[in-house]
Amino acid sequence: MDKTEIREELENTKEDVGSEKNSNEDVKQPNETPVEVEPEATVKLKEELEVAKDKYIRLYSEFENFRKRTTKEKSELIQSANEQLIKTLLPVADDFERAENSFPDRNDKDLAGFFLIHAKLKKVLEVYGVKTMDTAQGSEFNPDLHEAITQLPAPVPELKGKVIEVVEKGYVLNDKVIRYAKVVVGN
């Protein structure tokens, strides 16, 4: 078949289809009447639609709450993922500070490596969000930040209920206390 024969066949097919449509339009069904919807059925359908909308809105809200809660939990988990490792490194940092304080001459060239290692450990802890609590002698005792290991008579009346001595530093990881400062409180 060449192109002209295909065109002729297509035109014939179009004419056949068009004549069938015209013949069907002329024939009318004798029993066709417009369908009337009962008012009770309409009211019932509207009520069912309102119930379905309410269920949808509640389900959507529950899902949004779940999504937000899961996102928050995931971010908290990521922030505190290294908490156990950091807790085990804190005594090492304390030992470094004690050793550093025991050397009277900090300019000794034999100790330069020691001080360098201590500085690197401090830097690593800072990078991961670990901060030292600022607990000074005479500061107010706060049970949310401090752990009172003992009470001693206050040397001065102004130190009653306040920190007399810091035995062990406290540390905070991303605004969460990971080790309470151990202090002596004036009585």
Protein backbone atom coordinates (compact mmCIF):
# COMPACT_ATOMS: atom_id res chain seq x y z
CA MET A 1 0.00 0.00 0.00
CA ASP A 2 1.24 3.38 -0.85
CA LYS A 3 0.48 6.68 0.88
CA THR A 4 -2.48 7.62 -1.26
CA GLU A 5 -4.25 4.32 -0.60
CA ILE A 6 -3.70 4.74 3.16
CA ARG A 7 -5.16 8.26 3.05
CA GLU A 8 -8.24 7.08 1.16
CA GLU A 9 -8.80 4.26 3.63
CA LEU A 10 -8.52 6.67 6.58
CA GLU A 11 -11.02 9.06 4.98
CA ASN A 12 -13.48 6.21 4.42
CA THR A 13 -13.14 5.11 8.03
CA LYS A 14 -13.80 8.67 9.24
CA GLU A 15 -16.93 8.91 7.11
CA ASP A 16 -18.24 5.57 8.47
CA VAL A 17 -17.72 6.65 12.05
CA GLY A 18 -19.37 10.04 11.49
CA SER A 19 -22.46 8.43 9.91
CA GLU A 20 -22.84 6.05 12.87
CA LYS A 21 -22.82 8.97 15.33
CA ASN A 22 -25.51 10.79 13.39
CA SER A 23 -27.74 7.72 13.23
CA ASN A 24 -27.43 7.15 17.02
CA GLU A 25 -28.35 10.76 17.79
CA ASP A 26 -31.59 10.52 15.90
CA VAL A 27 -32.84 7.57 17.97
CA LYS A 28 -34.30 8.57 21.34
CA GLN A 29 -34.99 6.27 24.21
CA PRO A 30 -38.67 6.44 25.15
CA ASN A 31 -38.15 5.70 28.89
CA GLU A 32 -35.40 8.29 29.56
CA THR A 33 -36.26 10.54 32.49
CA PRO A 34 -33.89 12.75 34.46
CA VAL A 35 -32.58 11.05 37.59
CA GLU A 36 -33.65 12.83 40.75
CA VAL A 37 -31.58 12.40 43.90
CA GLU A 38 -33.54 11.94 47.10
CA PRO A 39 -32.92 14.72 49.65
CA GLU A 40 -32.28 12.16 52.41
CA ALA A 41 -29.53 10.52 50.37
CA THR A 42 -27.88 13.91 49.78
CA VAL A 43 -27.87 14.71 53.49
CA LYS A 44 -26.47 11.27 54.28
CA LEU A 45 -23.71 11.66 51.69
CA LYS A 46 -22.80 15.11 53.07
CA GLU A 47 -22.54 13.68 56.59
CA GLU A 48 -20.35 10.83 55.37
CA LEU A 49 -18.16 13.35 53.55
CA GLU A 50 -17.76 15.45 56.73
CA VAL A 51 -16.81 12.34 58.74
CA ALA A 52 -14.26 11.33 56.09
CA LYS A 53 -12.79 14.86 56.05
CA ASP A 54 -12.51 14.85 59.85
CA LYS A 55 -10.77 11.47 59.84
CA TYR A 56 -8.38 12.66 57.13
CA ILE A 57 -7.48 15.84 59.02
CA ARG A 58 -6.89 13.92 62.25
CA LEU A 59 -4.76 11.31 60.49
CA TYR A 60 -2.74 14.00 58.75
CA SER A 61 -2.17 15.82 62.05
CA GLU A 62 -1.06 12.63 63.78
CA PHE A 63 1.38 11.92 60.97
CA GLU A 64 2.83 15.45 61.13
CA ASN A 65 3.29 15.12 64.90
CA PHE A 66 4.98 11.74 64.42
CA ARG A 67 7.28 13.16 61.75
CA LYS A 68 8.29 16.14 63.89
CA ARG A 69 8.87 13.95 66.97
CA THR A 70 10.97 11.49 64.98
CA THR A 71 13.06 14.29 63.48
CA LYS A 72 13.64 15.78 66.94
CA GLU A 73 14.62 12.40 68.41
CA LYS A 74 17.00 11.74 65.52
CA SER A 75 18.74 15.11 65.95
CA GLU A 76 19.07 14.53 69.72
CA LEU A 77 20.51 11.09 69.08
CA ILE A 78 23.07 12.48 66.67
CA GLN A 79 24.06 15.24 69.11
CA SER A 80 24.61 12.86 72.00
CA ALA A 81 25.93 9.89 70.02
CA ASN A 82 29.45 10.26 71.40
CA GLU A 83 28.35 10.91 74.98
CA GLN A 84 29.59 7.59 76.39
CA LEU A 85 32.99 7.91 74.73
CA ILE A 86 33.37 11.48 75.97
CA LYS A 87 32.40 10.43 79.51
CA THR A 88 35.22 7.89 79.51
CA LEU A 89 37.70 10.53 78.27
CA LEU A 90 36.87 13.05 81.01
CA PRO A 91 38.99 11.34 83.72
CA VAL A 92 41.93 11.42 81.29
CA ALA A 93 41.43 15.17 80.83
CA ASP A 94 41.31 15.56 84.63
CA ASP A 95 44.57 13.61 84.99
CA PHE A 96 46.22 15.84 82.38
CA GLU A 97 45.17 18.96 84.32
CA ARG A 98 46.41 17.56 87.63
CA ALA A 99 49.74 16.64 86.06
CA GLU A 100 50.02 20.02 84.39
CA ASN A 101 49.38 21.80 87.69
CA SER A 102 52.06 19.71 89.43
CA PHE A 103 54.86 21.09 87.22
CA PRO A 104 56.24 24.33 88.64
CA ASP A 105 58.25 25.20 85.53
CA ARG A 106 55.97 25.23 82.47
CA ASN A 107 58.78 26.33 80.18
CA ASP A 108 60.62 23.03 80.48
CA LYS A 109 61.31 21.82 76.93
CA ASP A 110 61.10 18.16 78.01
CA LEU A 111 57.42 18.69 78.90
CA ALA A 112 56.44 20.44 75.66
CA GLY A 113 55.03 17.20 74.18
CA PHE A 114 52.93 16.61 77.29
CA PHE A 115 51.42 20.09 77.10
CA LEU A 116 50.82 19.67 73.38
CA ILE A 117 48.88 16.42 73.93
CA HIS A 118 46.81 18.06 76.67
CA ALA A 119 45.99 21.01 74.37
CA LYS A 120 44.94 18.64 71.59
CA LEU A 121 42.66 16.69 73.94
CA LYS A 122 41.02 19.95 75.05
CA LYS A 123 40.55 20.99 71.42
CA VAL A 124 38.94 17.64 70.48
CA LEU A 125 36.51 17.92 73.38
CA GLU A 126 35.61 21.47 72.36
CA VAL A 127 35.02 20.42 68.75
CA TYR A 128 32.46 17.85 69.91
CA GLY A 129 30.60 20.41 72.04
CA VAL A 130 32.07 19.61 75.46
CA LYS A 131 32.39 22.62 77.74
CA THR A 132 33.74 22.92 81.27
CA MET A 133 31.30 24.24 83.87
CA ASP A 134 32.35 27.52 85.40
CA THR A 135 32.10 26.70 89.08
CA ALA A 136 34.08 29.08 91.22
CA GLN A 137 34.57 29.26 94.96
CA GLY A 138 31.78 31.34 96.46
CA SER A 139 29.27 30.61 93.70
CA GLU A 140 25.74 29.58 94.61
CA PHE A 141 25.19 25.82 95.03
CA ASN A 142 22.91 24.54 92.25
CA PRO A 143 21.76 20.91 92.54
CA ASP A 144 21.08 20.88 88.78
CA LEU A 145 24.78 21.46 88.09
CA HIS A 146 26.62 20.44 91.25
CA GLU A 147 26.98 17.32 93.34
CA ALA A 148 27.69 18.07 96.99
CA ILE A 149 30.12 15.45 98.24
CA THR A 150 30.38 16.94 101.72
CA GLN A 151 29.42 19.92 103.85
CA LEU A 152 31.90 21.81 105.97
CA PRO A 153 31.43 24.70 108.34
CA ALA A 154 31.70 27.90 106.31
CA PRO A 155 34.90 29.83 107.09
CA VAL A 156 32.99 33.07 106.53
CA PRO A 157 29.23 33.58 107.07
CA GLU A 158 28.84 34.72 103.43
CA LEU A 159 29.78 31.20 102.21
CA LYS A 160 26.85 29.41 103.88
CA GLY A 161 25.03 27.41 101.20
CA LYS A 162 27.70 28.27 98.67
CA VAL A 163 30.55 26.37 97.05
CA ILE A 164 33.68 26.34 99.22
CA GLU A 165 35.83 24.12 97.03
CA VAL A 166 35.57 22.38 93.64
CA VAL A 167 36.89 18.81 93.95
CA GLU A 168 36.14 17.71 90.37
CA LYS A 169 35.11 19.84 87.40
CA GLY A 170 31.73 19.41 85.77
CA TYR A 171 31.21 19.11 82.03
CA VAL A 172 28.36 19.95 79.67
CA LEU A 173 27.75 18.38 76.24
CA ASN A 174 25.48 20.45 73.98
CA ASP A 175 23.79 22.11 76.99
CA LYS A 176 23.26 18.75 78.71
CA VAL A 177 25.16 17.95 81.90
CA ILE A 178 27.25 14.83 81.36
CA ARG A 179 29.20 15.10 84.61
CA TYR A 180 28.14 17.11 87.63
CA ALA A 181 30.78 19.23 89.36
CA LYS A 182 31.72 17.65 92.69
CA VAL A 183 31.86 20.40 95.28
CA VAL A 184 32.18 21.03 99.00
CA VAL A 185 29.34 23.19 100.32
CA GLY A 186 29.50 25.59 103.28
CA ASN A 187 27.21 24.81 106.19
